[in-house]
Amino acid sequence: MPEKATLAQARRAKRQGKAPSTQAGAFVREEIHHVREGKHGARSTKQAIAIGLSKARRAGVRLPAPKNAKASTKQSAKSATSAARRHSRPSPRRAKASMRALKRESPRAASHEALSRQAKRSARTRQRRRRHAA
């Protein structure tokens, strides 16, 4: 469950007419903080970002599914988007299992070094014009 401050930040961004990815940034930032403070870990920086994006979709941010991703990832994004309309709670057993799995992972995925590496790798895949616009 996202924190109230995160939800407020996302709503503020939406009111200001910001893009869905900007609205989702609040959720990703929260997830990075969770990993840093030791609430749980993540296998990679990408996983930490993906968890944040999923939380954003579940909270009602209209993020599209990634274009060049595998089918299971697209399906996961689609189900998170539909979960926002249902307001359904995940089964406690499943939630506990995923938290236990994340707790076994290292918090290194949210280090400044790891985030920098991920940002550079992500920028490398973009075209020059898109990098300049960002």
N, C-alpha and C. Protein backbone atom coordinates (compact mmCIF):
# COMPACT_ATOMS: atom_id res chain seq x y z
N MET A 1 0.85 -1.19 0.00
CA MET A 1 0.00 0.00 0.00
C MET A 1 0.89 1.25 0.00
N PRO A 2 0.68 2.15 -0.97
CA PRO A 2 1.48 3.36 -1.02
C PRO A 2 1.20 4.29 0.16
N GLU A 3 2.18 5.09 0.52
CA GLU A 3 2.02 6.04 1.62
C GLU A 3 1.14 7.19 1.16
N LYS A 4 0.51 7.86 2.14
CA LYS A 4 -0.40 8.96 1.81
C LYS A 4 0.32 10.09 1.08
N ALA A 5 1.54 10.37 1.51
CA ALA A 5 2.31 11.46 0.89
C ALA A 5 2.58 11.16 -0.59
N THR A 6 2.84 9.89 -0.89
CA THR A 6 3.10 9.49 -2.27
C THR A 6 1.85 9.67 -3.13
N LEU A 7 0.71 9.25 -2.60
CA LEU A 7 -0.55 9.41 -3.33
C LEU A 7 -0.85 10.89 -3.56
N ALA A 8 -0.60 11.71 -2.55
CA ALA A 8 -0.85 13.15 -2.66
C ALA A 8 0.06 13.77 -3.72
N GLN A 9 1.31 13.34 -3.75
CA GLN A 9 2.27 13.85 -4.72
C GLN A 9 1.84 13.49 -6.15
N ALA A 10 1.38 12.26 -6.33
CA ALA A 10 0.94 11.81 -7.65
C ALA A 10 -0.32 12.58 -8.09
N ARG A 11 -1.23 12.80 -7.15
CA ARG A 11 -2.45 13.55 -7.47
C ARG A 11 -2.12 14.99 -7.86
N ARG A 12 -1.16 15.57 -7.13
CA ARG A 12 -0.74 16.95 -7.43
C ARG A 12 -0.18 17.03 -8.85
N ALA A 13 0.64 16.04 -9.20
CA ALA A 13 1.23 16.01 -10.54
C ALA A 13 0.15 15.87 -11.61
N LYS A 14 -0.88 15.08 -11.30
CA LYS A 14 -1.98 14.89 -12.26
C LYS A 14 -2.76 16.19 -12.44
N ARG A 15 -3.04 16.88 -11.32
CA ARG A 15 -3.76 18.16 -11.38
C ARG A 15 -2.99 19.19 -12.20
N GLN A 16 -1.66 19.14 -12.12
CA GLN A 16 -0.83 20.09 -12.85
C GLN A 16 -0.70 19.72 -14.33
N GLY A 17 -1.28 18.57 -14.71
CA GLY A 17 -1.27 18.15 -16.10
C GLY A 17 0.02 17.46 -16.52
N LYS A 18 0.74 16.92 -15.54
CA LYS A 18 2.00 16.24 -15.86
C LYS A 18 1.71 14.88 -16.49
N ALA A 19 2.71 14.34 -17.17
CA ALA A 19 2.58 13.05 -17.84
C ALA A 19 2.42 11.92 -16.83
N PRO A 20 1.79 10.81 -17.24
CA PRO A 20 1.63 9.66 -16.34
C PRO A 20 2.96 9.15 -15.79
N SER A 21 4.02 9.21 -16.59
CA SER A 21 5.31 8.73 -16.11
C SER A 21 5.83 9.61 -14.98
N THR A 22 5.52 10.90 -15.01
CA THR A 22 5.92 11.81 -13.94
C THR A 22 5.11 11.50 -12.68
N GLN A 23 3.82 11.23 -12.87
CA GLN A 23 2.97 10.87 -11.73
C GLN A 23 3.47 9.59 -11.08
N ALA A 24 3.92 8.65 -11.90
CA ALA A 24 4.41 7.37 -11.40
C ALA A 24 5.76 7.51 -10.70
N GLY A 25 6.48 8.58 -11.01
CA GLY A 25 7.80 8.81 -10.41
C GLY A 25 7.75 8.84 -8.90
N ALA A 26 6.66 9.34 -8.33
CA ALA A 26 6.51 9.39 -6.88
C ALA A 26 6.52 7.98 -6.29
N PHE A 27 5.86 7.05 -6.98
CA PHE A 27 5.78 5.67 -6.50
C PHE A 27 7.13 4.96 -6.62
N VAL A 28 7.85 5.25 -7.71
CA VAL A 28 9.17 4.64 -7.91
C VAL A 28 10.13 5.15 -6.83
N ARG A 29 10.06 6.46 -6.56
CA ARG A 29 10.91 7.06 -5.53
C ARG A 29 10.64 6.42 -4.17
N GLU A 30 9.36 6.21 -3.86
CA GLU A 30 8.98 5.59 -2.59
C GLU A 30 9.57 4.17 -2.50
N GLU A 31 9.51 3.45 -3.59
CA GLU A 31 10.02 2.07 -3.61
C GLU A 31 11.53 2.05 -3.40
N ILE A 32 12.24 2.98 -4.02
CA ILE A 32 13.69 3.09 -3.84
C ILE A 32 14.00 3.36 -2.38
N HIS A 33 13.21 4.25 -1.75
CA HIS A 33 13.42 4.55 -0.33
C HIS A 33 13.17 3.31 0.54
N HIS A 34 12.15 2.54 0.20
CA HIS A 34 11.86 1.32 0.96
C HIS A 34 13.05 0.36 0.92
N VAL A 35 13.63 0.21 -0.27
CA VAL A 35 14.77 -0.70 -0.42
C VAL A 35 15.96 -0.15 0.37
N ARG A 36 16.17 1.17 0.29
CA ARG A 36 17.32 1.78 0.99
C ARG A 36 17.20 1.67 2.50
N GLU A 37 15.99 1.83 3.02
CA GLU A 37 15.84 1.78 4.47
C GLU A 37 15.74 0.36 5.00
N GLY A 38 15.80 -0.62 4.10
CA GLY A 38 15.84 -2.01 4.52
C GLY A 38 14.49 -2.65 4.74
N LYS A 39 13.43 -2.03 4.28
CA LYS A 39 12.10 -2.62 4.41
C LYS A 39 12.07 -3.94 3.65
N HIS A 40 12.70 -3.93 2.48
CA HIS A 40 12.90 -5.15 1.69
C HIS A 40 14.00 -4.86 0.69
N GLY A 41 14.40 -5.86 -0.07
CA GLY A 41 15.45 -5.67 -1.06
C GLY A 41 14.88 -5.81 -2.46
N ALA A 42 15.77 -5.90 -3.43
CA ALA A 42 15.37 -6.12 -4.81
C ALA A 42 16.52 -6.80 -5.51
N ARG A 43 16.20 -7.66 -6.46
CA ARG A 43 17.24 -8.37 -7.19
C ARG A 43 18.05 -7.41 -8.05
N SER A 44 17.35 -6.42 -8.64
CA SER A 44 18.02 -5.44 -9.49
C SER A 44 17.31 -4.11 -9.37
N THR A 45 17.94 -3.08 -9.90
CA THR A 45 17.33 -1.75 -9.91
C THR A 45 16.07 -1.77 -10.76
N LYS A 46 16.13 -2.52 -11.86
CA LYS A 46 14.96 -2.64 -12.75
C LYS A 46 13.76 -3.20 -11.98
N GLN A 47 14.02 -4.18 -11.11
CA GLN A 47 12.93 -4.78 -10.34
C GLN A 47 12.32 -3.75 -9.39
N ALA A 48 13.16 -2.96 -8.73
CA ALA A 48 12.67 -1.94 -7.81
C ALA A 48 11.80 -0.93 -8.56
N ILE A 49 12.23 -0.54 -9.76
CA ILE A 49 11.46 0.40 -10.58
C ILE A 49 10.14 -0.24 -11.00
N ALA A 50 10.20 -1.50 -11.40
CA ALA A 50 9.00 -2.21 -11.84
C ALA A 50 7.96 -2.32 -10.72
N ILE A 51 8.42 -2.54 -9.49
CA ILE A 51 7.51 -2.62 -8.34
C ILE A 51 6.81 -1.27 -8.15
N GLY A 52 7.59 -0.19 -8.27
CA GLY A 52 7.03 1.15 -8.13
C GLY A 52 6.00 1.46 -9.21
N LEU A 53 6.30 1.05 -10.45
CA LEU A 53 5.36 1.29 -11.56
C LEU A 53 4.08 0.49 -11.37
N SER A 54 4.22 -0.72 -10.86
CA SER A 54 3.05 -1.57 -10.62
C SER A 54 2.16 -0.93 -9.55
N LYS A 55 2.80 -0.40 -8.49
CA LYS A 55 2.03 0.28 -7.43
C LYS A 55 1.30 1.49 -8.01
N ALA A 56 1.97 2.20 -8.92
CA ALA A 56 1.35 3.37 -9.54
C ALA A 56 0.12 2.95 -10.34
N ARG A 57 0.26 1.88 -11.12
CA ARG A 57 -0.88 1.40 -11.93
C ARG A 57 -2.03 1.01 -11.02
N ARG A 58 -1.72 0.31 -9.93
CA ARG A 58 -2.76 -0.12 -8.99
C ARG A 58 -3.43 1.07 -8.29
N ALA A 59 -2.69 2.17 -8.17
CA ALA A 59 -3.24 3.37 -7.53
C ALA A 59 -4.04 4.22 -8.50
N GLY A 60 -4.07 3.83 -9.79
CA GLY A 60 -4.89 4.54 -10.75
C GLY A 60 -4.16 5.43 -11.73
N VAL A 61 -2.83 5.42 -11.73
CA VAL A 61 -2.08 6.20 -12.71
C VAL A 61 -2.22 5.49 -14.06
N ARG A 62 -2.58 6.23 -15.09
CA ARG A 62 -2.85 5.62 -16.39
C ARG A 62 -1.58 5.42 -17.20
N LEU A 63 -0.76 4.50 -16.74
CA LEU A 63 0.50 4.17 -17.42
C LEU A 63 0.25 3.07 -18.44
N PRO A 64 0.70 3.23 -19.66
CA PRO A 64 0.52 2.16 -20.64
C PRO A 64 1.48 1.01 -20.36
N ALA A 65 1.16 -0.16 -20.89
CA ALA A 65 2.05 -1.31 -20.76
C ALA A 65 3.29 -1.05 -21.62
N PRO A 66 4.45 -1.55 -21.23
CA PRO A 66 5.66 -1.31 -22.03
C PRO A 66 5.52 -1.91 -23.43
N LYS A 67 6.03 -1.18 -24.43
CA LYS A 67 5.87 -1.62 -25.83
C LYS A 67 6.73 -2.84 -26.17
N ASN A 68 8.02 -2.74 -25.87
CA ASN A 68 8.93 -3.83 -26.27
C ASN A 68 9.32 -4.68 -25.08
N ALA A 69 8.32 -5.29 -24.48
CA ALA A 69 8.54 -6.18 -23.34
C ALA A 69 7.94 -7.55 -23.66
N LYS A 70 8.30 -8.53 -22.84
CA LYS A 70 7.74 -9.86 -23.10
C LYS A 70 6.26 -9.90 -22.72
N ALA A 71 5.57 -10.88 -23.23
CA ALA A 71 4.11 -10.97 -23.08
C ALA A 71 3.68 -11.01 -21.62
N SER A 72 4.44 -11.72 -20.77
CA SER A 72 4.04 -11.83 -19.36
C SER A 72 4.12 -10.48 -18.66
N THR A 73 5.08 -9.63 -19.05
CA THR A 73 5.21 -8.30 -18.46
C THR A 73 4.04 -7.43 -18.87
N LYS A 74 3.65 -7.52 -20.14
CA LYS A 74 2.51 -6.76 -20.63
C LYS A 74 1.23 -7.19 -19.91
N GLN A 75 1.10 -8.50 -19.71
CA GLN A 75 -0.08 -9.04 -19.03
C GLN A 75 -0.12 -8.56 -17.58
N SER A 76 1.06 -8.53 -16.94
CA SER A 76 1.16 -8.07 -15.55
C SER A 76 0.73 -6.61 -15.45
N ALA A 77 1.17 -5.78 -16.40
CA ALA A 77 0.81 -4.36 -16.41
C ALA A 77 -0.70 -4.20 -16.62
N LYS A 78 -1.24 -5.03 -17.49
CA LYS A 78 -2.67 -4.98 -17.78
C LYS A 78 -3.50 -5.35 -16.54
N SER A 79 -3.06 -6.38 -15.83
CA SER A 79 -3.80 -6.81 -14.64
C SER A 79 -3.68 -5.80 -13.51
N ALA A 80 -2.53 -5.11 -13.41
CA ALA A 80 -2.36 -4.08 -12.39
C ALA A 80 -3.29 -2.90 -12.68
N THR A 81 -3.45 -2.57 -13.96
CA THR A 81 -4.34 -1.49 -14.36
C THR A 81 -5.79 -1.84 -14.03
N SER A 82 -6.17 -3.09 -14.30
CA SER A 82 -7.55 -3.50 -14.01
C SER A 82 -7.78 -3.62 -12.51
N ALA A 83 -6.74 -3.91 -11.74
CA ALA A 83 -6.87 -4.01 -10.28
C ALA A 83 -7.20 -2.64 -9.69
N ALA A 84 -6.79 -1.57 -10.37
CA ALA A 84 -7.09 -0.22 -9.90
C ALA A 84 -8.59 0.03 -9.94
N ARG A 85 -9.26 -0.55 -10.91
CA ARG A 85 -10.71 -0.36 -11.01
C ARG A 85 -11.46 -1.24 -10.02
N ARG A 86 -10.88 -2.39 -9.69
CA ARG A 86 -11.57 -3.35 -8.80
C ARG A 86 -11.43 -2.99 -7.34
N HIS A 87 -10.34 -2.35 -6.96
CA HIS A 87 -10.01 -2.07 -5.56
C HIS A 87 -9.94 -3.37 -4.75
N SER A 88 -9.38 -4.41 -5.34
CA SER A 88 -9.32 -5.69 -4.66
C SER A 88 -8.05 -5.80 -3.84
N ARG A 89 -8.14 -6.49 -2.73
CA ARG A 89 -6.96 -6.72 -1.89
C ARG A 89 -6.29 -8.01 -2.34
N PRO A 90 -4.95 -8.04 -2.36
CA PRO A 90 -4.29 -9.30 -2.71
C PRO A 90 -4.48 -10.31 -1.57
N SER A 91 -4.39 -11.58 -1.89
CA SER A 91 -4.58 -12.57 -0.84
C SER A 91 -3.41 -12.45 0.14
N PRO A 92 -3.68 -12.51 1.44
CA PRO A 92 -2.63 -12.33 2.45
C PRO A 92 -1.48 -13.32 2.27
N ARG A 93 -1.82 -14.53 1.88
CA ARG A 93 -0.79 -15.57 1.73
C ARG A 93 0.18 -15.21 0.60
N ARG A 94 -0.38 -14.72 -0.50
CA ARG A 94 0.44 -14.34 -1.65
C ARG A 94 1.29 -13.12 -1.34
N ALA A 95 0.68 -12.14 -0.67
CA ALA A 95 1.40 -10.91 -0.31
C ALA A 95 2.57 -11.24 0.62
N LYS A 96 2.34 -12.12 1.57
CA LYS A 96 3.37 -12.50 2.53
C LYS A 96 4.52 -13.23 1.81
N ALA A 97 4.16 -14.08 0.86
CA ALA A 97 5.17 -14.84 0.13
C ALA A 97 6.07 -13.91 -0.69
N SER A 98 5.45 -12.91 -1.35
CA SER A 98 6.27 -12.00 -2.16
C SER A 98 7.13 -11.12 -1.27
N MET A 99 6.62 -10.71 -0.11
CA MET A 99 7.42 -9.90 0.82
C MET A 99 8.60 -10.71 1.36
N ARG A 100 8.37 -11.97 1.67
CA ARG A 100 9.46 -12.82 2.19
C ARG A 100 10.55 -12.99 1.14
N ALA A 101 10.13 -13.14 -0.12
CA ALA A 101 11.10 -13.28 -1.21
C ALA A 101 11.91 -12.00 -1.37
N LEU A 102 11.25 -10.84 -1.28
CA LEU A 102 11.95 -9.57 -1.43
C LEU A 102 12.88 -9.29 -0.24
N LYS A 103 12.49 -9.74 0.94
CA LYS A 103 13.33 -9.52 2.13
C LYS A 103 14.65 -10.28 2.03
N ARG A 104 14.66 -11.36 1.25
CA ARG A 104 15.90 -12.14 1.09
C ARG A 104 16.88 -11.44 0.16
N GLU A 105 16.39 -10.48 -0.62
CA GLU A 105 17.24 -9.80 -1.60
C GLU A 105 18.05 -8.68 -0.96
N SER A 106 19.08 -8.26 -1.67
CA SER A 106 20.00 -7.25 -1.18
C SER A 106 19.46 -5.84 -1.41
N PRO A 107 19.80 -4.89 -0.52
CA PRO A 107 19.39 -3.50 -0.74
C PRO A 107 20.31 -2.76 -1.71
N ARG A 108 21.31 -3.46 -2.25
CA ARG A 108 22.27 -2.81 -3.15
C ARG A 108 21.63 -2.30 -4.43
N ALA A 109 20.46 -2.84 -4.79
CA ALA A 109 19.80 -2.44 -6.04
C ALA A 109 19.40 -0.97 -6.02
N ALA A 110 19.29 -0.38 -4.82
CA ALA A 110 18.87 1.02 -4.73
C ALA A 110 20.02 1.96 -4.39
N SER A 111 21.25 1.47 -4.51
CA SER A 111 22.40 2.33 -4.21
C SER A 111 22.53 3.40 -5.30
N HIS A 112 23.23 4.48 -4.98
CA HIS A 112 23.42 5.56 -5.96
C HIS A 112 24.13 5.03 -7.20
N GLU A 113 25.09 4.14 -6.97
CA GLU A 113 25.86 3.56 -8.07
C GLU A 113 24.97 2.75 -9.00
N ALA A 114 24.11 1.90 -8.39
CA ALA A 114 23.23 1.04 -9.19
C ALA A 114 22.21 1.87 -9.97
N LEU A 115 21.68 2.91 -9.34
CA LEU A 115 20.71 3.77 -10.02
C LEU A 115 21.35 4.52 -11.17
N SER A 116 22.59 4.96 -10.96
CA SER A 116 23.32 5.66 -12.01
C SER A 116 23.57 4.74 -13.20
N ARG A 117 23.98 3.51 -12.89
CA ARG A 117 24.23 2.51 -13.94
C ARG A 117 22.97 2.27 -14.75
N GLN A 118 21.84 2.12 -14.05
CA GLN A 118 20.56 1.86 -14.70
C GLN A 118 20.15 3.04 -15.58
N ALA A 119 20.33 4.25 -15.09
CA ALA A 119 19.96 5.44 -15.85
C ALA A 119 20.79 5.55 -17.13
N LYS A 120 22.08 5.27 -17.02
CA LYS A 120 22.96 5.34 -18.19
C LYS A 120 22.57 4.28 -19.21
N ARG A 121 22.28 3.08 -18.72
CA ARG A 121 21.89 1.98 -19.62
C ARG A 121 20.58 2.31 -20.32
N SER A 122 19.66 2.90 -19.58
CA SER A 122 18.37 3.27 -20.14
C SER A 122 18.53 4.38 -21.18
N ALA A 123 19.40 5.33 -20.90
CA ALA A 123 19.62 6.45 -21.83
C ALA A 123 20.27 5.96 -23.12
N ARG A 124 21.12 4.97 -23.00
CA ARG A 124 21.83 4.44 -24.17
C ARG A 124 20.86 3.86 -25.19
N THR A 125 19.73 3.33 -24.74
CA THR A 125 18.77 2.72 -25.66
C THR A 125 17.93 3.78 -26.37
N ARG A 126 17.92 5.01 -25.84
CA ARG A 126 17.12 6.08 -26.45
C ARG A 126 17.84 6.74 -27.61
N GLN A 127 17.04 7.34 -28.49
CA GLN A 127 17.63 8.08 -29.61
C GLN A 127 18.16 9.42 -29.08
N ARG A 128 19.02 10.04 -29.84
CA ARG A 128 19.65 11.29 -29.42
C ARG A 128 18.61 12.38 -29.13
N ARG A 129 17.61 12.49 -30.02
CA ARG A 129 16.57 13.51 -29.83
C ARG A 129 15.84 13.30 -28.51
N ARG A 130 15.51 12.05 -28.23
CA ARG A 130 14.75 11.73 -27.00
C ARG A 130 15.59 12.01 -25.76
N ARG A 131 16.89 11.72 -25.84
CA ARG A 131 17.78 11.99 -24.70
C ARG A 131 17.81 13.50 -24.45
N HIS A 132 17.89 14.27 -25.53
CA HIS A 132 17.96 15.73 -25.41
C HIS A 132 16.66 16.26 -24.80
N ALA A 133 15.53 15.71 -25.22
CA ALA A 133 14.22 16.15 -24.71
C ALA A 133 14.08 15.85 -23.22
N ALA A 134 14.65 14.73 -22.80
CA ALA A 134 14.55 14.34 -21.38
C ALA A 134 15.39 15.25 -20.54
